[in-house]
């Protein structure tokens, strides 16, 4: 992460102008430990600039610390947090003063940082355990991160989480949730051996160990599944009001709230998609489409490659509308998208673009069609006619 990005997040957070995702990104940054020196330098500059010679009121600082930090998701702090706590509280005490008085003591105005490019997302997620505590997976050390009953939760390299252990056959099942933010993705292997890839802004809730007649998980957002075969215990994915019933198969489920439908795309095996009192059996290469109201259709020749392109590090489009494309970009790069005119929303595109590039490179490829133009400033993309 560049120093410019760190400064941007710091300024947005401490002037209370950040979005919820920027707030989460800043708090996660303090956990990682990779930017310790840069963060400490920026925090010290903040205090030196805006409150030179002022003593830090510890009781007020602690109050502000509680007010700002405590509402954040509970995370397991690294040892670095303690070393910068004093500077962090000092900066917050200054913000507290500014909020109460409406002016900054002995200060010059903050110069707004404008970011003209955005880095791609990466392996980032938060694991919520049975007791409600959370683990920031991208900053947690490799190895054992939690013990859930008889099941160990292990973090491997390259953004992978594994549940190991037989669990118990009796008693109430204990559930965990893994969630990815904007600009995040993650892979988890469930207790039965099923592998799940989570796309950005997604959430999977699952038992630490499966028991009973079925293996059922709940999904918000998008995920790709490779189900461990077990004919005696069918697998079920619940996505909103729809369910996907499987035995052993590979498939993708896209169930973002902002998209017009829930889509299940089958790559291997067979699944049955159900919603309300309707159900459809899917064959390989088909896609089930539930409009969330009263219609469940099957597309006989789905664009399978496009459906799973995100898992393979690509944006892939086939006469795809610009609004659908920009929603994908917004989730992966954690940006806001606005349209300069209604007419530009009618554009559509075909092609394949790597998702590991900065957003400027992705937009440049779209601009090569000669039909649209993009401007990036302050993590906002403006889409206009060429």
Protein backbone atom coordinates (compact mmCIF):
# COMPACT_ATOMS: atom_id res chain seq x y z
CA UNK A 1 0.00 0.00 0.00
CA UNK A 2 1.36 3.42 -0.94
CA UNK A 3 2.04 6.19 1.58
CA UNK A 4 -0.46 8.32 -0.33
CA UNK A 5 -3.18 5.75 0.32
CA UNK A 6 -2.28 5.53 4.02
CA UNK A 7 -2.43 9.31 4.38
CA UNK A 8 -5.75 9.37 2.55
CA UNK A 9 -7.29 6.79 4.89
CA UNK A 10 -5.84 8.53 7.95
CA UNK A 11 -7.25 11.92 6.94
CA UNK A 12 -10.65 10.49 6.02
CA UNK A 13 -10.89 8.56 9.29
CA UNK A 14 -9.81 11.33 11.61
CA UNK A 15 -11.94 13.99 9.94
CA UNK A 16 -14.95 11.68 10.18
CA UNK A 17 -15.51 11.83 6.41
CA UNK A 18 -14.74 8.22 5.53
CA UNK A 19 -17.19 5.67 4.24
CA UNK A 20 -17.89 2.56 6.30
CA UNK A 21 -15.60 0.52 4.04
CA UNK A 22 -12.81 3.10 4.34
CA UNK A 23 -13.21 3.03 8.13
CA UNK A 24 -12.91 -0.76 8.10
CA UNK A 25 -9.91 -0.58 5.76
CA UNK A 26 -8.15 1.87 8.11
CA UNK A 27 -8.84 -0.24 11.19
CA UNK A 28 -7.64 -3.36 9.38
CA UNK A 29 -4.50 -1.48 8.36
CA UNK A 30 -3.63 -0.92 12.01
CA UNK A 31 -3.75 -4.69 12.53
CA UNK A 32 -1.46 -5.75 9.69
CA UNK A 33 1.85 -4.50 11.05
CA UNK A 34 3.31 -3.96 7.57
CA UNK A 35 2.81 -0.18 7.63
CA UNK A 36 3.80 0.46 11.24
CA UNK A 37 6.44 3.11 10.55
CA UNK A 38 4.32 4.98 8.01
CA UNK A 39 1.31 5.04 10.31
CA UNK A 40 3.31 6.18 13.31
CA UNK A 41 4.97 8.94 11.28
CA UNK A 42 1.64 10.24 10.00
CA UNK A 43 0.05 10.15 13.44
CA UNK A 44 2.97 12.06 14.98
CA UNK A 45 2.80 14.64 12.19
CA UNK A 46 -0.89 15.09 12.92
CA UNK A 47 -0.30 15.88 16.58
CA UNK A 48 2.75 18.08 15.90
CA UNK A 49 0.86 20.07 13.27
CA UNK A 50 -2.45 20.59 14.97
CA UNK A 51 -1.54 20.68 18.64
CA UNK A 52 2.11 21.72 19.04
CA UNK A 53 3.17 21.93 22.65
CA UNK A 54 -0.21 20.75 23.94
CA UNK A 55 -0.42 18.10 26.65
CA UNK A 56 -2.61 15.13 25.79
CA UNK A 57 -5.65 15.02 28.13
CA UNK A 58 -5.57 11.30 28.85
CA UNK A 59 -9.08 11.02 30.26
CA UNK A 60 -10.55 12.82 27.25
CA UNK A 61 -8.37 10.84 24.86
CA UNK A 62 -9.55 7.56 26.35
CA UNK A 63 -13.16 8.71 26.07
CA UNK A 64 -12.69 9.55 22.42
CA UNK A 65 -10.85 6.27 21.89
CA UNK A 66 -13.80 4.36 23.30
CA UNK A 67 -16.28 6.39 21.27
CA UNK A 68 -14.53 5.90 17.93
CA UNK A 69 -12.79 2.53 18.16
CA UNK A 70 -15.08 0.43 20.34
CA UNK A 71 -17.95 0.34 17.79
CA UNK A 72 -15.60 -1.21 15.24
CA UNK A 73 -15.71 -5.01 14.71
CA UNK A 74 -13.92 -6.78 17.51
CA UNK A 75 -10.54 -7.94 16.31
CA UNK A 76 -7.50 -9.61 17.78
CA UNK A 77 -4.94 -6.85 18.17
CA UNK A 78 -1.30 -7.29 17.27
CA UNK A 79 1.39 -6.23 19.68
CA UNK A 80 1.96 -3.12 17.55
CA UNK A 81 -1.35 -1.64 18.67
CA UNK A 82 -0.03 -0.96 22.15
CA UNK A 83 3.09 0.81 20.86
CA UNK A 84 1.11 3.44 18.97
CA UNK A 85 -1.84 3.71 21.35
CA UNK A 86 -0.58 6.94 22.90
CA UNK A 87 -0.20 8.67 19.55
CA UNK A 88 -3.54 7.33 18.36
CA UNK A 89 -5.31 8.63 21.46
CA UNK A 90 -3.53 11.96 21.10
CA UNK A 91 -4.78 12.41 17.57
CA UNK A 92 -8.27 11.45 18.64
CA UNK A 93 -8.11 13.95 21.49
CA UNK A 94 -7.33 16.63 18.93
CA UNK A 95 -10.29 15.57 16.79
CA UNK A 96 -12.43 15.70 19.92
CA UNK A 97 -11.31 19.28 20.49
CA UNK A 98 -12.08 20.19 16.89
CA UNK A 99 -15.53 18.64 17.07
CA UNK A 100 -16.36 20.57 20.25
CA UNK A 101 -14.94 23.97 19.25
CA UNK A 102 -15.39 23.93 15.50
CA UNK A 103 -11.78 25.04 14.90
CA UNK A 104 -8.32 23.57 14.87
CA UNK A 105 -5.80 25.11 17.31
CA UNK A 106 -2.73 26.65 15.65
CA UNK A 107 -3.46 24.80 12.45
CA UNK A 108 -3.45 25.18 8.72
CA UNK A 109 -6.29 23.54 6.79
CA UNK A 110 -5.89 19.95 5.74
CA UNK A 111 -5.18 19.66 2.04
CA UNK A 112 -7.59 17.19 0.54
CA UNK A 113 -5.86 14.19 -0.95
CA UNK A 114 -7.09 13.21 -4.39
CA UNK A 115 -6.44 9.65 -5.46
CA UNK A 116 -6.31 9.18 -9.22
CA UNK A 117 -5.75 5.44 -9.21
CA UNK A 118 -6.83 2.50 -7.08
CA UNK A 119 -5.04 -0.77 -6.42
CA UNK A 120 -6.87 -4.08 -6.89
CA UNK A 121 -8.30 -6.03 -3.98
CA UNK A 122 -6.72 -9.05 -2.34
CA UNK A 123 -7.18 -11.84 0.21
CA UNK A 124 -9.05 -10.03 2.98
CA UNK A 125 -11.78 -11.32 5.28
CA UNK A 126 -13.11 -11.36 8.83
CA UNK A 127 -14.06 -14.59 10.61
CA UNK A 128 -16.82 -14.37 13.23
CA UNK A 129 -16.65 -17.20 15.75
CA UNK A 130 -19.36 -18.93 17.78
CA UNK A 131 -18.95 -16.57 20.73
CA UNK A 132 -19.22 -13.46 18.54
CA UNK A 133 -15.51 -12.61 18.62
CA UNK A 134 -13.80 -11.87 15.33
CA UNK A 135 -10.49 -12.61 13.68
CA UNK A 136 -9.04 -10.42 10.92
CA UNK A 137 -7.78 -13.20 8.68
CA UNK A 138 -5.51 -11.16 6.43
CA UNK A 139 -3.44 -10.00 9.41
CA UNK A 140 -3.65 -13.19 11.51
CA UNK A 141 -0.55 -15.36 11.63
CA UNK A 142 -0.54 -18.62 9.71
CA UNK A 143 -1.45 -21.67 11.77
CA UNK A 144 -4.19 -22.20 14.32
CA UNK A 145 -6.42 -19.13 14.69
CA UNK A 146 -9.25 -20.64 16.75
CA UNK A 147 -10.59 -23.77 18.44
CA UNK A 148 -14.31 -24.38 17.90
CA UNK A 149 -15.26 -27.35 20.04
CA UNK A 150 -13.48 -30.37 18.62
CA UNK A 151 -12.65 -28.51 15.40
CA UNK A 152 -9.46 -26.55 14.78
CA UNK A 153 -9.55 -23.49 12.52
CA UNK A 154 -6.28 -23.21 10.63
CA UNK A 155 -5.01 -20.42 8.40
CA UNK A 156 -2.79 -21.51 5.52
CA UNK A 157 -0.93 -19.32 3.04
CA UNK A 158 -2.49 -17.46 0.10
CA UNK A 159 -5.80 -16.63 1.74
CA UNK A 160 -7.01 -20.09 2.73
CA UNK A 161 -8.86 -21.19 5.87
CA UNK A 162 -9.31 -24.83 6.87
CA UNK A 163 -11.60 -26.52 9.40
CA UNK A 164 -10.06 -29.73 10.74
CA UNK A 165 -11.61 -32.25 13.13
CA UNK A 166 -14.53 -34.66 13.31
CA UNK A 167 -16.78 -32.49 15.46
CA UNK A 168 -19.56 -34.03 17.52
CA UNK A 169 -22.50 -35.96 16.10
CA UNK A 170 -24.91 -34.80 18.78
CA UNK A 171 -25.96 -31.47 20.22
CA UNK A 172 -26.67 -28.11 18.59
CA UNK A 173 -24.44 -27.13 15.70
CA UNK A 174 -22.10 -24.16 16.19
CA UNK A 175 -21.91 -21.65 13.34
CA UNK A 176 -19.11 -19.44 12.05
CA UNK A 177 -19.31 -16.66 9.47
CA UNK A 178 -16.61 -15.54 7.07
CA UNK A 179 -17.19 -12.18 5.39
CA UNK A 180 -15.20 -10.27 2.78
CA UNK A 181 -15.21 -6.46 2.50
CA UNK A 182 -15.12 -4.37 -0.66
CA UNK A 183 -11.80 -5.23 -2.29
CA UNK A 184 -11.55 -8.61 -0.57
CA UNK A 185 -11.85 -12.31 -1.40
CA UNK A 186 -11.07 -15.50 0.50
CA UNK A 187 -11.07 -19.28 0.30
CA UNK A 188 -12.29 -21.66 3.01
CA UNK A 189 -12.33 -25.45 3.24
CA UNK A 190 -15.25 -26.59 5.37
CA UNK A 191 -15.18 -29.46 7.84
CA UNK A 192 -16.49 -31.96 5.25
CA UNK A 193 -13.81 -31.07 2.68
CA UNK A 194 -16.02 -28.75 0.62
CA UNK A 195 -14.04 -25.83 -0.80
CA UNK A 196 -15.59 -22.38 -1.13
CA UNK A 197 -14.20 -19.28 -2.82
CA UNK A 198 -15.82 -16.02 -1.64
CA UNK A 199 -15.96 -13.01 -3.93
CA UNK A 200 -15.83 -9.41 -2.66
CA UNK A 201 -18.61 -8.10 -0.37
CA UNK A 202 -19.81 -11.61 0.43
CA UNK A 203 -20.70 -13.59 3.54
CA UNK A 204 -20.87 -17.32 4.20
CA UNK A 205 -22.41 -18.76 7.38
CA UNK A 206 -21.72 -22.45 8.04
CA UNK A 207 -21.49 -25.04 10.84
CA UNK A 208 -18.05 -25.73 12.24
CA UNK A 209 -18.96 -29.41 11.74
CA UNK A 210 -21.90 -30.83 9.81
CA UNK A 211 -24.48 -33.02 11.55
CA UNK A 212 -27.95 -34.20 10.61
CA UNK A 213 -29.53 -35.19 7.31
CA UNK A 214 -28.17 -32.29 5.23
CA UNK A 215 -25.15 -29.99 5.05
CA UNK A 216 -26.60 -26.48 4.83
CA UNK A 217 -24.81 -23.12 4.53
CA UNK A 218 -26.10 -19.58 3.93
CA UNK A 219 -24.65 -17.17 1.37
CA UNK A 220 -24.87 -13.45 0.75
CA UNK A 221 -22.99 -12.09 -2.25
CA UNK A 222 -21.13 -14.53 -4.50
CA UNK A 223 -19.22 -17.78 -4.05
CA UNK A 224 -17.87 -20.69 -6.06
CA UNK A 225 -18.36 -24.14 -4.53
CA UNK A 226 -16.57 -27.46 -4.99
CA UNK A 227 -18.71 -29.83 -2.94
CA UNK A 228 -17.21 -32.88 -1.24
CA UNK A 229 -19.37 -35.86 -2.35
CA UNK A 230 -21.57 -37.45 0.31
CA UNK A 231 -24.76 -39.02 -1.04
CA UNK A 232 -26.01 -39.72 2.49
CA UNK A 233 -25.82 -36.04 3.43
CA UNK A 234 -26.84 -33.73 0.55
CA UNK A 235 -25.38 -30.21 0.46
CA UNK A 236 -27.68 -27.17 0.43
CA UNK A 237 -26.75 -23.55 -0.26
CA UNK A 238 -29.33 -21.03 0.93
CA UNK A 239 -29.16 -17.67 -0.87
CA UNK A 240 -31.97 -15.36 0.17
CA UNK A 241 -35.29 -17.03 -0.69
CA UNK A 242 -33.66 -19.59 -2.99
CA UNK A 243 -31.88 -22.86 -2.29
CA UNK A 244 -29.46 -24.95 -4.31
CA UNK A 245 -29.58 -28.69 -3.53
CA UNK A 246 -26.49 -30.71 -4.52
CA UNK A 247 -24.72 -34.03 -3.96
CA UNK A 248 -21.22 -33.60 -5.42
CA UNK A 249 -20.59 -30.81 -7.90
CA UNK A 250 -18.91 -27.54 -8.90
CA UNK A 251 -21.06 -24.45 -9.26
CA UNK A 252 -21.21 -20.69 -8.78
CA UNK A 253 -23.91 -18.77 -6.90
CA UNK A 254 -24.30 -15.02 -7.40
CA UNK A 255 -26.77 -13.47 -4.95
CA UNK A 256 -25.85 -9.81 -4.46
CA UNK A 257 -28.75 -7.69 -3.26
CA UNK A 258 -28.04 -5.00 -5.87
CA UNK A 259 -28.21 -7.43 -8.80
CA UNK A 260 -31.51 -8.15 -10.54
CA UNK A 261 -31.55 -11.91 -9.83
CA UNK A 262 -29.96 -14.82 -8.01
CA UNK A 263 -27.96 -16.89 -10.50
CA UNK A 264 -26.63 -20.43 -10.10
CA UNK A 265 -24.23 -21.60 -12.81
CA UNK A 266 -23.32 -25.30 -13.01
CA UNK A 267 -19.87 -26.44 -14.10
CA UNK A 268 -19.90 -30.08 -13.02
CA UNK A 269 -22.41 -32.60 -11.65
CA UNK A 270 -26.06 -31.69 -11.11
CA UNK A 271 -28.01 -29.35 -8.86
CA UNK A 272 -31.62 -28.46 -8.23
CA UNK A 273 -32.41 -24.79 -7.71
CA UNK A 274 -35.55 -24.06 -5.71
CA UNK A 275 -37.42 -20.86 -4.85
CA UNK A 276 -40.91 -20.61 -3.41
CA UNK A 277 -42.91 -23.55 -4.74
CA UNK A 278 -40.77 -23.82 -7.89
CA UNK A 279 -37.69 -25.88 -8.63
CA UNK A 280 -35.51 -26.53 -11.67
CA UNK A 281 -32.93 -29.23 -12.33
CA UNK A 282 -29.73 -27.85 -13.88
CA UNK A 283 -27.37 -29.70 -16.18
CA UNK A 284 -23.73 -28.82 -16.80
CA UNK A 285 -23.41 -25.52 -18.67
CA UNK A 286 -26.80 -24.24 -17.57
CA UNK A 287 -27.72 -21.34 -15.31
CA UNK A 288 -30.72 -21.06 -13.02
CA UNK A 289 -32.10 -17.52 -12.68
CA UNK A 290 -34.45 -16.54 -9.84
CA UNK A 291 -35.89 -13.02 -10.15
CA UNK A 292 -36.67 -12.90 -6.39
CA UNK A 293 -40.39 -12.55 -7.16
CA UNK A 294 -42.25 -15.20 -9.12
CA UNK A 295 -40.02 -16.45 -11.90
CA UNK A 296 -37.40 -19.21 -11.97
CA UNK A 297 -35.85 -19.87 -15.38
CA UNK A 298 -33.05 -22.02 -16.76
CA UNK A 299 -30.65 -20.64 -19.37
CA UNK A 300 -29.66 -23.70 -21.41
CA UNK A 301 -26.38 -22.28 -22.72
CA UNK A 302 -24.93 -20.11 -19.99
CA UNK A 303 -21.67 -18.18 -20.25
CA UNK A 304 -19.91 -20.39 -17.72
CA UNK A 305 -16.50 -18.78 -18.18
CA UNK A 306 -17.90 -15.33 -17.46
CA UNK A 307 -19.73 -16.59 -14.35
CA UNK A 308 -16.52 -17.85 -12.72
CA UNK A 309 -14.06 -15.36 -14.23
CA UNK A 310 -13.76 -13.54 -10.88
CA UNK A 311 -12.37 -16.71 -9.28
CA UNK A 312 -9.75 -16.95 -12.03
CA UNK A 313 -8.59 -13.34 -11.71
CA UNK A 314 -10.54 -11.86 -14.59
CA UNK A 315 -13.37 -9.54 -15.50
CA UNK A 316 -15.09 -11.25 -18.44
CA UNK A 317 -17.98 -9.74 -20.35
CA UNK A 318 -20.22 -10.89 -23.17
CA UNK A 319 -22.45 -8.01 -24.30
CA UNK A 320 -22.60 -7.03 -20.63
CA UNK A 321 -24.19 -3.72 -19.65
CA UNK A 322 -21.95 -0.98 -18.27
CA UNK A 323 -23.89 -0.85 -14.98
CA UNK A 324 -23.28 -4.55 -14.34
CA UNK A 325 -19.60 -4.09 -15.17
CA UNK A 326 -19.20 -1.07 -12.93
CA UNK A 327 -20.86 -2.85 -10.00
CA UNK A 328 -18.20 -5.56 -10.31
CA UNK A 329 -15.46 -2.94 -10.43
CA UNK A 330 -16.95 -1.08 -7.44
CA UNK A 331 -16.94 -4.26 -5.32
CA UNK A 332 -13.39 -5.27 -6.23
CA UNK A 333 -11.74 -1.84 -6.03
CA UNK A 334 -13.88 -0.39 -3.23
CA UNK A 335 -14.91 2.67 -5.23
CA UNK A 336 -18.07 4.68 -5.82
CA UNK A 337 -19.47 4.96 -9.35
CA UNK A 338 -21.52 7.84 -10.73
CA UNK A 339 -22.87 8.42 -14.24
CA UNK A 340 -22.61 11.78 -16.00
CA UNK A 341 -25.68 11.00 -18.14
CA UNK A 342 -28.47 8.47 -18.43
CA UNK A 343 -27.49 7.63 -21.99
CA UNK A 344 -24.13 6.16 -21.02
CA UNK A 345 -25.93 3.51 -18.94
CA UNK A 346 -27.08 1.86 -22.20
CA UNK A 347 -23.55 0.90 -23.28
CA UNK A 348 -22.45 -2.75 -23.26
CA UNK A 349 -19.10 -4.46 -23.72
CA UNK A 350 -17.47 -7.79 -24.53
CA UNK A 351 -13.98 -8.89 -23.63
CA UNK A 352 -11.68 -10.11 -20.87
CA UNK A 353 -9.58 -7.95 -18.52
CA UNK A 354 -7.21 -9.08 -15.71
CA UNK A 355 -8.49 -8.06 -12.28
CA UNK A 356 -5.01 -7.78 -10.74
CA UNK A 357 -4.36 -4.45 -12.49
CA UNK A 358 -4.90 -1.01 -10.99
CA UNK A 359 -8.35 0.33 -11.80
CA UNK A 360 -6.88 2.85 -14.28
CA UNK A 361 -5.67 -0.01 -16.49
CA UNK A 362 -9.06 -1.71 -16.44
CA UNK A 363 -10.84 1.52 -17.33
CA UNK A 364 -8.30 2.26 -20.05
CA UNK A 365 -9.18 -1.03 -21.76
CA UNK A 366 -12.87 -0.18 -21.62
CA UNK A 367 -12.16 3.27 -23.05
CA UNK A 368 -10.45 1.69 -26.06
CA UNK A 369 -13.92 0.88 -27.40
CA UNK A 370 -14.28 4.61 -28.06
CA UNK A 371 -17.75 4.83 -26.50
CA UNK A 372 -17.09 5.79 -22.86
CA UNK A 373 -14.76 7.93 -20.78
CA UNK A 374 -13.79 7.58 -17.12
CA UNK A 375 -12.44 9.98 -14.52
CA UNK A 376 -11.10 8.77 -11.18
CA UNK A 377 -10.84 11.12 -8.20
CA UNK A 378 -11.16 10.55 -4.47
CA UNK A 379 -12.07 6.86 -5.02
CA UNK A 380 -15.00 7.89 -7.20
CA UNK A 381 -15.30 6.88 -10.86
CA UNK A 382 -17.34 9.13 -13.12
CA UNK A 383 -18.62 7.42 -16.28
CA UNK A 384 -19.44 9.65 -19.26
CA UNK A 385 -19.92 9.49 -23.01
CA UNK A 386 -16.78 9.67 -25.12
